[in-house]
Amino acid sequence: MLLRHDASPVIRLNHAIALSHLRGPAAALSEIDQLADRLNGYHLWHATRAQLLTELGDHEEARAANERALAMTSNPAEQQLLRSRLEMPEE
């Protein structure tokens, strides 16, 4: 419903996250990638994209997205989470 009232890029990003739980990471990634031109400078777009890529088994692209998100945030908690993702061994 929120998307009907406000289709801002961040609301659309949150919608895609919900979509990932309903239709899977590929469907959500397709939605998120449509926001690239508007959210490329937003660290949570990169972090979300990294999580979906990890779920899809694309560890190289996920690592790059996590690195980009890490470089863009100064929040210590977010940095710690992103660093932990970068330290995880690839499956």
Protein backbone atom coordinates (compact mmCIF):
# COMPACT_ATOMS: atom_id res chain seq x y z
CA MET A 1 0.00 0.00 0.00
CA LEU A 2 2.79 2.41 0.84
CA LEU A 3 4.19 2.05 -2.64
CA ARG A 4 0.89 3.31 -4.07
CA HIS A 5 1.15 6.48 -1.99
CA ASP A 6 4.86 7.10 -2.30
CA ALA A 7 6.91 5.49 -5.05
CA SER A 8 10.17 7.10 -3.97
CA PRO A 9 13.33 5.10 -4.67
CA VAL A 10 13.82 4.18 -1.00
CA ILE A 11 10.22 2.95 -0.69
CA ARG A 12 10.76 0.93 -3.87
CA LEU A 13 13.97 -0.52 -2.35
CA ASN A 14 12.03 -1.58 0.75
CA HIS A 15 9.33 -3.06 -1.48
CA ALA A 16 11.97 -5.10 -3.30
CA ILE A 17 13.24 -6.45 0.02
CA ALA A 18 9.73 -7.63 0.86
CA LEU A 19 9.44 -9.06 -2.64
CA SER A 20 12.57 -11.13 -2.03
CA HIS A 21 10.74 -12.98 0.75
CA LEU A 22 7.75 -13.66 -1.47
CA ARG A 23 9.23 -14.31 -4.92
CA GLY A 24 12.92 -14.85 -4.22
CA PRO A 25 16.18 -12.98 -4.66
CA ALA A 26 16.14 -12.93 -8.47
CA ALA A 27 12.83 -11.07 -8.60
CA ALA A 28 13.99 -8.62 -5.96
CA LEU A 29 17.34 -8.04 -7.67
CA SER A 30 15.53 -7.23 -10.90
CA GLU A 31 13.53 -4.56 -9.06
CA ILE A 32 16.57 -3.19 -7.25
CA ASP A 33 18.66 -2.97 -10.39
CA GLN A 34 15.99 -0.70 -11.88
CA LEU A 35 16.86 1.80 -9.13
CA ALA A 36 20.57 1.95 -9.95
CA ASP A 37 20.47 5.37 -11.57
CA ARG A 38 18.72 6.90 -8.55
CA LEU A 39 20.27 4.99 -5.64
CA ASN A 40 23.84 4.31 -6.77
CA GLY A 41 25.04 6.80 -4.15
CA TYR A 42 23.08 5.14 -1.32
CA HIS A 43 25.02 2.58 0.70
CA LEU A 44 21.95 0.55 1.65
CA TRP A 45 21.15 0.00 -2.02
CA HIS A 46 24.59 -1.59 -2.44
CA ALA A 47 24.27 -3.57 0.80
CA THR A 48 20.86 -4.91 -0.19
CA ARG A 49 22.08 -5.76 -3.65
CA ALA A 50 25.06 -7.59 -2.11
CA GLN A 51 22.77 -9.72 0.06
CA LEU A 52 20.63 -10.71 -2.90
CA LEU A 53 23.67 -11.51 -5.02
CA THR A 54 25.02 -13.69 -2.21
CA GLU A 55 21.72 -15.57 -2.06
CA LEU A 56 21.98 -16.12 -5.81
CA GLY A 57 25.55 -17.43 -5.48
CA ASP A 58 27.25 -14.52 -7.26
CA HIS A 59 29.94 -14.01 -4.62
CA GLU A 60 32.24 -11.88 -6.73
CA GLU A 61 29.58 -9.27 -7.50
CA ALA A 62 28.30 -9.47 -3.91
CA ARG A 63 31.79 -8.74 -2.58
CA ALA A 64 32.10 -5.71 -4.86
CA ALA A 65 28.69 -4.41 -3.71
CA ASN A 66 29.60 -4.94 -0.04
CA GLU A 67 32.90 -3.12 -0.55
CA ARG A 68 31.09 -0.22 -2.20
CA ALA A 69 28.56 -0.04 0.66
CA LEU A 70 31.36 -0.13 3.22
CA ALA A 71 33.18 2.72 1.52
CA MET A 72 30.00 4.82 1.60
CA THR A 73 28.99 4.53 5.26
CA SER A 74 30.46 6.03 8.39
CA ASN A 75 28.06 4.24 10.74
CA PRO A 76 30.13 1.88 12.95
CA ALA A 77 27.39 -0.75 13.24
CA GLU A 78 26.88 -0.84 9.47
CA GLN A 79 30.63 -0.97 8.93
CA GLN A 80 30.93 -3.93 11.30
CA LEU A 81 28.15 -5.82 9.50
CA LEU A 82 29.65 -5.14 6.09
CA ARG A 83 33.12 -6.15 7.24
CA SER A 84 31.71 -9.40 8.63
CA ARG A 85 30.10 -10.10 5.26
CA LEU A 86 33.43 -9.51 3.54
CA GLU A 87 35.18 -11.93 5.90
CA MET A 88 32.71 -14.76 5.27
CA PRO A 89 34.15 -17.54 3.12
CA GLU A 90 32.50 -18.11 -0.24
CA GLU A 91 30.43 -21.26 -0.49
